């Protein structure tokens, strides 16, 4: 089990806004008692504070130096947009008026046998006027297993996320799709991420 403890080396409180937590001055907090691993690894505020030595990472046994601390809070496999490698992240905005599924991001990977935690997140909004659009998103594994989510997005971007644990091995494709439902208003999606962590 991964343990991530943070130590505030400053006498002043530090705010990790994207985790919604205030770290009191000179305090020690076990983040893994409070958050899922994917939430911790996704925190840019935490990485920033570690990189400037305000917060020190402890792995449950030892305090880690800056470099090792940053590695420790970045565990898991995140696939970035880049030609020629697997895709598991897309920051680009996409729009659809279609009631047919539209693929937003896809990751193809070869996995060793084991238990994995699949996490995903995306920002989504309805049409640019005051009327919200009903839409659906889904996460697919090997074009077969669907995890469908009904979303009622507002006219400003909101973040949605989820997770699923599974035993996987071999070649796998994982994708995030979206589509409009009901009213003829566009749906927008961006900042779509897939995070795969071996447990």
N, C-alpha and C. Protein backbone atom coordinates (compact mmCIF):
# COMPACT_ATOMS: atom_id res chain seq x y z
N UNK A 1 0.85 -1.20 0.00
CA UNK A 1 0.00 0.00 0.00
C UNK A 1 0.88 1.24 0.00
N UNK A 2 0.53 2.19 -0.84
CA UNK A 2 1.27 3.45 -0.91
C UNK A 2 0.82 4.36 0.24
N UNK A 3 1.78 4.90 0.97
CA UNK A 3 1.50 5.84 2.05
C UNK A 3 2.13 7.18 1.70
N UNK A 4 1.35 8.23 1.81
CA UNK A 4 1.85 9.58 1.52
C UNK A 4 1.53 10.48 2.70
N UNK A 5 2.57 10.83 3.43
CA UNK A 5 2.47 11.73 4.58
C UNK A 5 3.14 13.05 4.19
N UNK A 6 2.52 14.16 4.55
CA UNK A 6 3.14 15.46 4.28
C UNK A 6 3.51 16.14 5.59
N UNK A 7 4.66 16.81 5.57
CA UNK A 7 5.12 17.57 6.73
C UNK A 7 5.31 19.02 6.30
N UNK A 8 4.65 19.91 7.00
CA UNK A 8 4.79 21.35 6.72
C UNK A 8 6.02 21.85 7.47
N UNK A 9 7.05 22.24 6.72
CA UNK A 9 8.29 22.71 7.33
C UNK A 9 8.23 24.19 7.68
N UNK A 10 7.11 24.83 7.32
CA UNK A 10 6.94 26.26 7.56
C UNK A 10 6.11 26.47 8.82
N UNK A 11 6.29 27.60 9.50
CA UNK A 11 5.46 27.89 10.66
C UNK A 11 4.10 28.44 10.23
N UNK A 12 3.98 28.81 8.96
CA UNK A 12 2.73 29.33 8.43
C UNK A 12 1.89 28.20 7.83
N UNK A 13 0.58 28.39 7.83
CA UNK A 13 -0.31 27.43 7.19
C UNK A 13 -0.10 27.45 5.68
N UNK A 14 -0.25 26.29 5.05
CA UNK A 14 -0.18 26.20 3.60
C UNK A 14 -1.52 25.65 3.08
N UNK A 15 -1.99 26.20 1.97
CA UNK A 15 -3.27 25.80 1.40
C UNK A 15 -3.04 24.95 0.16
N UNK A 16 -3.64 23.76 0.15
CA UNK A 16 -3.68 22.93 -1.06
C UNK A 16 -5.09 23.03 -1.61
N UNK A 17 -5.28 24.04 -2.45
CA UNK A 17 -6.63 24.40 -2.88
C UNK A 17 -7.30 23.28 -3.65
N UNK A 18 -6.55 22.59 -4.52
CA UNK A 18 -7.19 21.57 -5.34
C UNK A 18 -7.54 20.30 -4.55
N UNK A 19 -7.00 20.19 -3.33
CA UNK A 19 -7.41 19.11 -2.43
C UNK A 19 -8.40 19.60 -1.37
N UNK A 20 -8.58 20.91 -1.31
CA UNK A 20 -9.51 21.47 -0.34
C UNK A 20 -9.06 21.34 1.09
N UNK A 21 -7.75 21.53 1.34
CA UNK A 21 -7.23 21.32 2.68
C UNK A 21 -6.24 22.44 3.04
N UNK A 22 -6.25 22.82 4.31
CA UNK A 22 -5.25 23.72 4.87
C UNK A 22 -4.30 22.89 5.72
N UNK A 23 -3.01 23.02 5.45
CA UNK A 23 -2.00 22.27 6.21
C UNK A 23 -1.41 23.22 7.25
N UNK A 24 -1.76 23.04 8.52
CA UNK A 24 -1.27 23.96 9.56
C UNK A 24 0.26 23.97 9.63
N UNK A 25 0.80 25.11 10.04
CA UNK A 25 2.25 25.23 10.18
C UNK A 25 2.82 24.17 11.10
N UNK A 26 3.97 23.60 10.70
CA UNK A 26 4.71 22.59 11.48
C UNK A 26 3.88 21.34 11.78
N UNK A 27 2.92 21.03 10.91
CA UNK A 27 2.06 19.87 11.16
C UNK A 27 2.46 18.69 10.28
N UNK A 28 1.94 17.52 10.62
CA UNK A 28 2.15 16.29 9.87
C UNK A 28 0.78 15.69 9.57
N UNK A 29 0.51 15.40 8.29
CA UNK A 29 -0.80 14.88 7.88
C UNK A 29 -0.60 13.68 6.97
N UNK A 30 -1.31 12.60 7.24
CA UNK A 30 -1.30 11.42 6.36
C UNK A 30 -2.39 11.61 5.33
N UNK A 31 -2.01 11.97 4.11
CA UNK A 31 -2.98 12.22 3.05
C UNK A 31 -3.73 10.97 2.64
N UNK A 32 -3.08 9.80 2.75
CA UNK A 32 -3.72 8.56 2.32
C UNK A 32 -4.84 8.13 3.27
N UNK A 33 -4.93 8.76 4.43
CA UNK A 33 -6.08 8.53 5.31
C UNK A 33 -7.27 9.38 4.90
N UNK A 34 -7.03 10.36 4.04
CA UNK A 34 -8.07 11.35 3.72
C UNK A 34 -8.51 11.30 2.26
N UNK A 35 -7.63 10.85 1.36
CA UNK A 35 -7.91 10.93 -0.07
C UNK A 35 -7.57 9.63 -0.75
N UNK A 36 -8.19 9.42 -1.91
CA UNK A 36 -7.79 8.33 -2.79
C UNK A 36 -6.45 8.68 -3.42
N UNK A 37 -5.69 7.64 -3.81
CA UNK A 37 -4.37 7.88 -4.38
C UNK A 37 -4.44 8.74 -5.64
N UNK A 38 -5.44 8.50 -6.47
CA UNK A 38 -5.53 9.29 -7.71
C UNK A 38 -5.78 10.75 -7.44
N UNK A 39 -6.48 11.07 -6.32
CA UNK A 39 -6.71 12.47 -5.98
C UNK A 39 -5.41 13.14 -5.56
N UNK A 40 -4.58 12.40 -4.83
CA UNK A 40 -3.30 12.95 -4.37
C UNK A 40 -2.36 13.16 -5.56
N UNK A 41 -2.28 12.16 -6.44
CA UNK A 41 -1.35 12.26 -7.57
C UNK A 41 -1.78 13.34 -8.56
N UNK A 42 -3.06 13.72 -8.53
CA UNK A 42 -3.56 14.75 -9.45
C UNK A 42 -3.39 16.16 -8.91
N UNK A 43 -2.91 16.31 -7.67
CA UNK A 43 -2.84 17.62 -7.05
C UNK A 43 -1.62 18.41 -7.51
N UNK A 44 -1.85 19.42 -8.32
CA UNK A 44 -0.76 20.30 -8.74
C UNK A 44 -0.28 21.19 -7.60
N UNK A 45 -1.20 21.57 -6.70
CA UNK A 45 -0.80 22.40 -5.56
C UNK A 45 0.19 21.66 -4.67
N UNK A 46 -0.04 20.37 -4.46
CA UNK A 46 0.87 19.56 -3.65
C UNK A 46 2.24 19.49 -4.31
N UNK A 47 2.27 19.23 -5.62
CA UNK A 47 3.56 19.15 -6.32
C UNK A 47 4.32 20.48 -6.23
N UNK A 48 3.59 21.59 -6.32
CA UNK A 48 4.24 22.90 -6.23
C UNK A 48 4.88 23.10 -4.87
N UNK A 49 4.15 22.77 -3.80
CA UNK A 49 4.68 22.98 -2.45
C UNK A 49 5.86 22.05 -2.15
N UNK A 50 5.83 20.85 -2.71
CA UNK A 50 6.97 19.93 -2.53
C UNK A 50 8.18 20.44 -3.31
N UNK A 51 7.95 20.98 -4.50
CA UNK A 51 9.06 21.42 -5.36
C UNK A 51 9.78 22.63 -4.78
N UNK A 52 9.11 23.40 -3.91
CA UNK A 52 9.78 24.56 -3.29
C UNK A 52 10.14 24.28 -1.84
N UNK A 53 10.06 23.00 -1.46
CA UNK A 53 10.50 22.53 -0.13
C UNK A 53 9.67 23.07 1.03
N UNK A 54 8.45 23.53 0.75
CA UNK A 54 7.57 23.94 1.83
C UNK A 54 6.96 22.72 2.52
N UNK A 55 6.62 21.72 1.71
CA UNK A 55 6.11 20.46 2.24
C UNK A 55 7.09 19.34 1.92
N UNK A 56 7.32 18.49 2.89
CA UNK A 56 8.20 17.33 2.74
C UNK A 56 7.32 16.08 2.70
N UNK A 57 7.62 15.18 1.78
CA UNK A 57 6.89 13.92 1.66
C UNK A 57 7.59 12.84 2.47
N UNK A 58 6.78 12.09 3.21
CA UNK A 58 7.26 10.93 3.95
C UNK A 58 6.50 9.71 3.44
N UNK A 59 7.20 8.60 3.21
CA UNK A 59 6.57 7.40 2.65
C UNK A 59 6.03 6.46 3.72
N UNK A 60 5.91 6.96 4.94
CA UNK A 60 5.46 6.14 6.05
C UNK A 60 6.60 5.64 6.90
N UNK A 61 7.82 5.77 6.35
CA UNK A 61 9.03 5.35 7.08
C UNK A 61 10.06 6.47 7.10
N UNK A 62 10.34 7.01 5.91
CA UNK A 62 11.41 7.99 5.77
C UNK A 62 10.91 9.28 5.14
N UNK A 63 11.54 10.40 5.56
CA UNK A 63 11.36 11.65 4.83
C UNK A 63 12.12 11.55 3.51
N UNK A 64 11.51 12.03 2.45
CA UNK A 64 12.11 11.94 1.13
C UNK A 64 12.63 13.30 0.69
N UNK A 65 13.72 13.29 -0.08
CA UNK A 65 14.19 14.56 -0.64
C UNK A 65 13.22 15.03 -1.71
N UNK A 66 13.43 16.22 -2.21
CA UNK A 66 12.49 16.83 -3.15
C UNK A 66 12.22 15.93 -4.36
N UNK A 67 13.28 15.44 -4.99
CA UNK A 67 13.12 14.63 -6.20
C UNK A 67 12.36 13.34 -5.92
N UNK A 68 12.75 12.64 -4.85
CA UNK A 68 12.07 11.38 -4.53
C UNK A 68 10.64 11.63 -4.05
N UNK A 69 10.43 12.76 -3.37
CA UNK A 69 9.09 13.11 -2.93
C UNK A 69 8.16 13.34 -4.10
N UNK A 70 8.64 14.05 -5.12
CA UNK A 70 7.82 14.30 -6.31
C UNK A 70 7.51 13.00 -7.04
N UNK A 71 8.47 12.09 -7.08
CA UNK A 71 8.23 10.79 -7.70
C UNK A 71 7.18 10.01 -6.92
N UNK A 72 7.27 10.09 -5.59
CA UNK A 72 6.37 9.32 -4.73
C UNK A 72 4.92 9.78 -4.87
N UNK A 73 4.71 11.08 -5.09
CA UNK A 73 3.33 11.57 -5.22
C UNK A 73 2.87 11.58 -6.68
N UNK A 74 3.66 10.98 -7.55
CA UNK A 74 3.28 10.88 -8.97
C UNK A 74 3.15 9.43 -9.39
N UNK A 75 2.85 8.54 -8.43
CA UNK A 75 2.77 7.13 -8.75
C UNK A 75 1.56 6.84 -9.61
N UNK A 76 1.64 5.76 -10.37
CA UNK A 76 0.60 5.44 -11.33
C UNK A 76 1.11 5.74 -12.73
N UNK A 77 0.36 5.35 -13.71
CA UNK A 77 0.73 5.56 -15.10
C UNK A 77 -0.24 6.54 -15.73
N UNK A 78 0.24 7.71 -16.08
CA UNK A 78 -0.60 8.69 -16.76
C UNK A 78 -0.12 8.78 -18.21
N UNK A 79 -1.01 8.56 -19.14
CA UNK A 79 -0.64 8.59 -20.55
C UNK A 79 -0.98 9.96 -21.12
N UNK A 80 0.00 10.62 -21.70
CA UNK A 80 -0.15 11.99 -22.18
C UNK A 80 -0.41 12.01 -23.69
N UNK A 81 -1.02 13.10 -24.12
CA UNK A 81 -1.16 13.33 -25.56
C UNK A 81 0.22 13.51 -26.18
N UNK A 82 0.57 12.68 -27.12
CA UNK A 82 1.85 12.80 -27.79
C UNK A 82 1.84 11.82 -28.96
N UNK A 83 2.08 12.29 -30.19
CA UNK A 83 2.06 11.37 -31.32
C UNK A 83 3.02 10.21 -31.12
N UNK A 84 2.53 9.01 -31.38
CA UNK A 84 3.39 7.84 -31.32
C UNK A 84 3.34 7.10 -30.00
N UNK A 85 2.68 7.66 -28.95
CA UNK A 85 2.54 6.93 -27.70
C UNK A 85 1.06 6.84 -27.34
N UNK A 86 0.77 6.05 -26.33
CA UNK A 86 -0.61 5.89 -25.91
C UNK A 86 -1.20 7.22 -25.48
N UNK A 87 -2.48 7.40 -25.73
CA UNK A 87 -3.16 8.63 -25.37
C UNK A 87 -4.09 8.34 -24.20
N UNK A 88 -3.93 9.10 -23.14
CA UNK A 88 -4.82 8.96 -22.00
C UNK A 88 -5.16 10.31 -21.41
N UNK A 89 -4.81 11.37 -22.13
CA UNK A 89 -5.10 12.71 -21.63
C UNK A 89 -5.32 13.64 -22.81
N UNK A 90 -6.33 14.47 -22.72
CA UNK A 90 -6.58 15.47 -23.75
C UNK A 90 -7.12 16.73 -23.10
N UNK A 91 -6.40 17.83 -23.27
CA UNK A 91 -6.85 19.10 -22.70
C UNK A 91 -7.69 19.89 -23.70
N UNK A 92 -7.71 19.46 -24.95
CA UNK A 92 -8.44 20.19 -25.99
C UNK A 92 -9.94 20.13 -25.77
N UNK A 93 -10.63 21.21 -26.10
CA UNK A 93 -12.08 21.25 -26.00
C UNK A 93 -12.70 20.58 -27.22
N UNK A 94 -13.69 19.73 -26.99
CA UNK A 94 -14.45 19.10 -28.07
C UNK A 94 -15.92 19.44 -27.89
N UNK A 95 -16.67 19.45 -28.99
CA UNK A 95 -18.09 19.79 -28.96
C UNK A 95 -18.85 18.78 -29.82
N UNK A 96 -20.06 18.44 -29.39
CA UNK A 96 -20.91 17.59 -30.22
C UNK A 96 -22.37 18.00 -30.08
N UNK A 97 -23.10 17.86 -31.21
CA UNK A 97 -24.55 17.98 -31.23
C UNK A 97 -25.18 16.60 -31.39
N UNK A 98 -24.32 15.57 -31.49
CA UNK A 98 -24.78 14.25 -31.88
C UNK A 98 -25.30 13.44 -30.69
N UNK A 99 -26.31 12.59 -31.00
CA UNK A 99 -26.77 11.62 -30.01
C UNK A 99 -26.04 10.29 -30.17
N UNK A 100 -25.13 10.21 -31.14
CA UNK A 100 -24.26 9.04 -31.27
C UNK A 100 -23.00 9.27 -30.45
N UNK A 101 -22.42 8.19 -29.97
CA UNK A 101 -21.23 8.31 -29.13
C UNK A 101 -20.06 8.91 -29.91
N UNK A 102 -19.35 9.83 -29.28
CA UNK A 102 -18.16 10.46 -29.86
C UNK A 102 -16.98 10.13 -28.96
N UNK A 103 -15.94 9.54 -29.56
CA UNK A 103 -14.75 9.21 -28.76
C UNK A 103 -13.96 10.47 -28.44
N UNK A 104 -13.68 10.67 -27.17
CA UNK A 104 -12.90 11.84 -26.74
C UNK A 104 -11.43 11.48 -26.57
N UNK A 105 -11.15 10.40 -25.87
CA UNK A 105 -9.76 10.01 -25.64
C UNK A 105 -9.69 8.49 -25.52
N UNK A 106 -8.59 7.92 -25.97
CA UNK A 106 -8.43 6.47 -25.97
C UNK A 106 -7.00 6.13 -25.54
N UNK A 107 -6.87 5.09 -24.75
CA UNK A 107 -5.57 4.62 -24.30
C UNK A 107 -5.46 3.14 -24.63
N UNK A 108 -4.41 2.75 -25.33
CA UNK A 108 -4.12 1.35 -25.61
C UNK A 108 -2.87 0.97 -24.83
N UNK A 109 -2.95 -0.10 -24.06
CA UNK A 109 -1.84 -0.46 -23.19
C UNK A 109 -1.74 -1.96 -23.03
N UNK A 110 -0.55 -2.44 -22.71
CA UNK A 110 -0.29 -3.86 -22.46
C UNK A 110 0.01 -4.02 -20.98
N UNK A 111 -0.85 -4.73 -20.26
CA UNK A 111 -0.76 -4.78 -18.80
C UNK A 111 -0.28 -6.13 -18.30
N UNK A 112 0.58 -6.10 -17.29
CA UNK A 112 0.91 -7.31 -16.55
C UNK A 112 -0.30 -7.71 -15.71
N UNK A 113 -0.46 -9.01 -15.47
CA UNK A 113 -1.58 -9.49 -14.67
C UNK A 113 -1.55 -8.85 -13.29
N UNK A 114 -2.69 -8.32 -12.88
CA UNK A 114 -2.75 -7.72 -11.56
C UNK A 114 -4.06 -6.98 -11.35
N UNK A 115 -4.19 -6.42 -10.17
CA UNK A 115 -5.36 -5.61 -9.84
C UNK A 115 -5.04 -4.15 -10.12
N UNK A 116 -5.94 -3.47 -10.80
CA UNK A 116 -5.71 -2.09 -11.20
C UNK A 116 -6.88 -1.22 -10.76
N UNK A 117 -6.56 0.03 -10.49
CA UNK A 117 -7.57 1.03 -10.22
C UNK A 117 -7.59 1.98 -11.42
N UNK A 118 -8.73 2.03 -12.07
CA UNK A 118 -8.91 2.90 -13.23
C UNK A 118 -9.65 4.16 -12.77
N UNK A 119 -9.02 5.30 -12.96
CA UNK A 119 -9.64 6.58 -12.61
C UNK A 119 -9.77 7.43 -13.86
N UNK A 120 -10.83 8.21 -13.91
CA UNK A 120 -11.02 9.12 -15.03
C UNK A 120 -11.63 10.41 -14.53
N UNK A 121 -11.39 11.47 -15.29
CA UNK A 121 -12.00 12.76 -14.96
C UNK A 121 -12.11 13.58 -16.24
N UNK A 122 -13.02 14.53 -16.23
CA UNK A 122 -13.20 15.41 -17.38
C UNK A 122 -13.99 16.63 -16.93
N UNK A 123 -13.83 17.70 -17.68
CA UNK A 123 -14.64 18.91 -17.48
C UNK A 123 -15.69 18.95 -18.58
N UNK A 124 -16.93 19.25 -18.22
CA UNK A 124 -18.00 19.22 -19.21
C UNK A 124 -18.98 20.36 -18.93
N UNK A 125 -19.55 20.90 -20.00
CA UNK A 125 -20.57 21.94 -19.84
C UNK A 125 -21.60 21.81 -20.94
N UNK A 126 -22.77 22.43 -20.72
CA UNK A 126 -23.84 22.42 -21.71
C UNK A 126 -23.71 23.59 -22.65
N UNK A 127 -24.82 23.96 -23.25
CA UNK A 127 -24.73 24.98 -24.29
C UNK A 127 -24.40 26.34 -23.68
N UNK A 128 -23.98 27.26 -24.53
CA UNK A 128 -23.46 28.54 -24.06
C UNK A 128 -24.56 29.49 -23.61
N UNK A 129 -25.83 29.15 -23.90
CA UNK A 129 -26.94 29.97 -23.42
C UNK A 129 -27.34 29.51 -22.02
N UNK A 130 -28.48 29.91 -21.55
CA UNK A 130 -28.88 29.61 -20.19
C UNK A 130 -29.51 28.22 -20.04
N UNK A 131 -29.73 27.52 -21.16
CA UNK A 131 -30.38 26.21 -21.09
C UNK A 131 -29.32 25.13 -20.99
N UNK A 132 -29.40 24.31 -19.95
CA UNK A 132 -28.45 23.22 -19.80
C UNK A 132 -28.81 22.07 -20.74
N UNK A 133 -27.82 21.26 -21.07
CA UNK A 133 -28.03 20.12 -21.96
C UNK A 133 -27.85 18.84 -21.17
N UNK A 134 -28.74 17.88 -21.37
CA UNK A 134 -28.57 16.56 -20.79
C UNK A 134 -27.67 15.75 -21.70
N UNK A 135 -26.68 15.10 -21.14
CA UNK A 135 -25.77 14.30 -21.97
C UNK A 135 -25.34 13.06 -21.22
N UNK A 136 -24.63 12.20 -21.91
CA UNK A 136 -24.08 10.99 -21.31
C UNK A 136 -22.60 10.90 -21.61
N UNK A 137 -21.87 10.34 -20.67
CA UNK A 137 -20.49 9.96 -20.92
C UNK A 137 -20.36 8.47 -20.61
N UNK A 138 -19.34 7.86 -21.13
CA UNK A 138 -19.10 6.46 -20.81
C UNK A 138 -17.61 6.17 -20.85
N UNK A 139 -17.20 5.21 -20.06
CA UNK A 139 -15.84 4.69 -20.10
C UNK A 139 -15.95 3.25 -20.59
N UNK A 140 -15.17 2.92 -21.61
CA UNK A 140 -15.24 1.59 -22.22
C UNK A 140 -13.90 0.88 -22.07
N UNK A 141 -13.98 -0.40 -21.76
CA UNK A 141 -12.78 -1.25 -21.70
C UNK A 141 -12.91 -2.29 -22.81
N UNK A 142 -11.93 -2.28 -23.72
CA UNK A 142 -11.92 -3.21 -24.86
C UNK A 142 -13.21 -3.14 -25.68
N UNK A 143 -13.78 -1.94 -25.80
CA UNK A 143 -14.97 -1.71 -26.62
C UNK A 143 -16.17 -2.54 -26.18
N UNK A 144 -16.13 -3.09 -24.97
CA UNK A 144 -17.21 -3.96 -24.52
C UNK A 144 -17.85 -3.46 -23.23
N UNK A 145 -17.08 -3.41 -22.18
CA UNK A 145 -17.62 -3.07 -20.87
C UNK A 145 -17.85 -1.57 -20.78
N UNK A 146 -19.08 -1.19 -20.54
CA UNK A 146 -19.44 0.22 -20.49
C UNK A 146 -19.75 0.65 -19.07
N UNK A 147 -19.19 1.77 -18.68
CA UNK A 147 -19.56 2.42 -17.43
C UNK A 147 -20.21 3.74 -17.84
N UNK A 148 -21.54 3.77 -17.87
CA UNK A 148 -22.25 4.95 -18.37
C UNK A 148 -22.60 5.89 -17.23
N UNK A 149 -22.52 7.16 -17.52
CA UNK A 149 -22.79 8.19 -16.52
C UNK A 149 -23.72 9.23 -17.16
N UNK A 150 -24.82 9.51 -16.51
CA UNK A 150 -25.72 10.57 -16.96
C UNK A 150 -25.27 11.89 -16.34
N UNK A 151 -25.18 12.91 -17.15
CA UNK A 151 -24.66 14.20 -16.69
C UNK A 151 -25.63 15.31 -17.09
N UNK A 152 -25.92 16.19 -16.16
CA UNK A 152 -26.70 17.39 -16.45
C UNK A 152 -25.77 18.58 -16.29
N UNK A 153 -24.99 18.90 -17.30
CA UNK A 153 -23.99 19.96 -17.16
C UNK A 153 -24.61 21.35 -17.13
N UNK A 154 -23.97 22.25 -16.44
CA UNK A 154 -24.39 23.64 -16.41
C UNK A 154 -23.71 24.41 -17.55
N UNK A 155 -23.96 25.71 -17.61
CA UNK A 155 -23.39 26.50 -18.69
C UNK A 155 -21.94 26.87 -18.43
N UNK A 156 -21.42 26.53 -17.23
CA UNK A 156 -20.00 26.68 -16.94
C UNK A 156 -19.41 25.30 -16.71
N UNK A 157 -18.13 25.15 -17.00
CA UNK A 157 -17.48 23.85 -16.87
C UNK A 157 -17.54 23.34 -15.44
N UNK A 158 -17.86 22.07 -15.30
CA UNK A 158 -17.80 21.36 -14.03
C UNK A 158 -16.94 20.12 -14.22
N UNK A 159 -16.26 19.71 -13.16
CA UNK A 159 -15.41 18.52 -13.21
C UNK A 159 -16.18 17.32 -12.70
N UNK A 160 -16.14 16.24 -13.47
CA UNK A 160 -16.73 14.97 -13.06
C UNK A 160 -15.62 13.92 -13.06
N UNK A 161 -15.68 12.99 -12.12
CA UNK A 161 -14.66 11.93 -12.08
C UNK A 161 -15.27 10.66 -11.52
N UNK A 162 -14.55 9.57 -11.70
CA UNK A 162 -15.00 8.27 -11.20
C UNK A 162 -13.85 7.28 -11.18
N UNK A 163 -14.12 6.11 -10.66
CA UNK A 163 -13.09 5.07 -10.59
C UNK A 163 -13.73 3.70 -10.62
N UNK A 164 -12.93 2.71 -10.98
CA UNK A 164 -13.41 1.34 -11.01
C UNK A 164 -12.21 0.42 -10.83
N UNK A 165 -12.35 -0.58 -9.99
CA UNK A 165 -11.26 -1.54 -9.75
C UNK A 165 -11.52 -2.80 -10.57
N UNK A 166 -10.44 -3.36 -11.14
CA UNK A 166 -10.60 -4.55 -11.97
C UNK A 166 -9.30 -5.34 -12.03
N UNK A 167 -9.42 -6.63 -12.27
CA UNK A 167 -8.24 -7.47 -12.54
C UNK A 167 -8.06 -7.51 -14.04
N UNK A 168 -6.89 -7.08 -14.51
CA UNK A 168 -6.64 -6.95 -15.93
C UNK A 168 -5.30 -7.59 -16.28
N UNK A 169 -5.18 -8.00 -17.53
CA UNK A 169 -3.88 -8.45 -18.05
C UNK A 169 -3.94 -8.44 -19.57
N UNK A 170 -2.77 -8.28 -20.19
CA UNK A 170 -2.69 -8.33 -21.64
C UNK A 170 -3.00 -6.99 -22.29
N UNK A 171 -3.39 -7.05 -23.56
CA UNK A 171 -3.67 -5.84 -24.33
C UNK A 171 -5.05 -5.29 -23.97
N UNK A 172 -5.08 -4.02 -23.63
CA UNK A 172 -6.34 -3.40 -23.27
C UNK A 172 -6.46 -2.03 -23.90
N UNK A 173 -7.68 -1.69 -24.31
CA UNK A 173 -7.97 -0.33 -24.73
C UNK A 173 -9.00 0.24 -23.78
N UNK A 174 -8.79 1.47 -23.38
CA UNK A 174 -9.71 2.17 -22.48
C UNK A 174 -10.02 3.51 -23.11
N UNK A 175 -11.29 3.87 -23.17
CA UNK A 175 -11.63 5.13 -23.83
C UNK A 175 -12.75 5.84 -23.08
N UNK A 176 -12.82 7.15 -23.29
CA UNK A 176 -13.89 7.98 -22.74
C UNK A 176 -14.66 8.56 -23.92
N UNK A 177 -15.98 8.34 -23.95
CA UNK A 177 -16.85 8.84 -25.00
C UNK A 177 -17.89 9.78 -24.40
N UNK A 178 -18.51 10.59 -25.25
CA UNK A 178 -19.61 11.44 -24.78
C UNK A 178 -20.61 11.67 -25.90
N UNK A 179 -21.84 12.06 -25.54
CA UNK A 179 -22.87 12.34 -26.53
C UNK A 179 -23.96 13.21 -25.92
N UNK A 180 -24.68 13.89 -26.79
CA UNK A 180 -25.83 14.69 -26.39
C UNK A 180 -27.04 13.78 -26.21
N UNK A 181 -27.92 14.16 -25.31
CA UNK A 181 -29.17 13.44 -25.13
C UNK A 181 -30.31 14.43 -25.06
N UNK A 182 -31.44 14.10 -25.69
CA UNK A 182 -32.63 14.93 -25.56
C UNK A 182 -32.56 16.22 -26.36
N UNK A 183 -32.47 17.35 -25.66
CA UNK A 183 -32.54 18.65 -26.32
C UNK A 183 -31.42 18.86 -27.31
N UNK A 184 -31.70 19.67 -28.34
CA UNK A 184 -30.71 19.90 -29.39
C UNK A 184 -29.80 21.07 -29.01
N UNK A 185 -29.02 20.86 -28.00
CA UNK A 185 -28.04 21.84 -27.57
C UNK A 185 -26.68 21.17 -27.52
N UNK A 186 -25.61 21.89 -27.83
CA UNK A 186 -24.29 21.28 -27.86
C UNK A 186 -23.78 20.92 -26.47
N UNK A 187 -22.88 19.98 -26.45
CA UNK A 187 -22.19 19.58 -25.22
C UNK A 187 -20.69 19.75 -25.46
N UNK A 188 -20.00 20.34 -24.48
CA UNK A 188 -18.57 20.60 -24.57
C UNK A 188 -17.84 19.77 -23.52
N UNK A 189 -16.65 19.27 -23.90
CA UNK A 189 -15.85 18.48 -22.96
C UNK A 189 -14.38 18.82 -23.17
N UNK A 190 -13.62 18.87 -22.08
CA UNK A 190 -12.17 19.12 -22.16
C UNK A 190 -11.50 18.55 -20.92
N UNK A 191 -10.17 18.64 -20.89
CA UNK A 191 -9.37 18.17 -19.74
C UNK A 191 -9.74 16.74 -19.36
N UNK A 192 -9.80 15.87 -20.37
CA UNK A 192 -10.17 14.48 -20.14
C UNK A 192 -8.92 13.67 -19.83
N UNK A 193 -8.97 12.92 -18.71
CA UNK A 193 -7.79 12.19 -18.26
C UNK A 193 -8.16 10.76 -17.89
N UNK A 194 -7.24 9.85 -18.16
CA UNK A 194 -7.35 8.46 -17.70
C UNK A 194 -6.09 8.17 -16.89
N UNK A 195 -6.28 7.66 -15.68
CA UNK A 195 -5.17 7.31 -14.81
C UNK A 195 -5.31 5.86 -14.41
N UNK A 196 -4.29 5.06 -14.65
CA UNK A 196 -4.31 3.63 -14.35
C UNK A 196 -3.25 3.35 -13.29
N UNK A 197 -3.67 2.82 -12.16
CA UNK A 197 -2.76 2.57 -11.03
C UNK A 197 -2.79 1.09 -10.68
N UNK A 198 -1.62 0.48 -10.60
CA UNK A 198 -1.54 -0.93 -10.17
C UNK A 198 -1.57 -0.97 -8.65
N UNK A 199 -2.51 -1.76 -8.10
CA UNK A 199 -2.69 -1.82 -6.66
C UNK A 199 -1.85 -2.94 -6.04
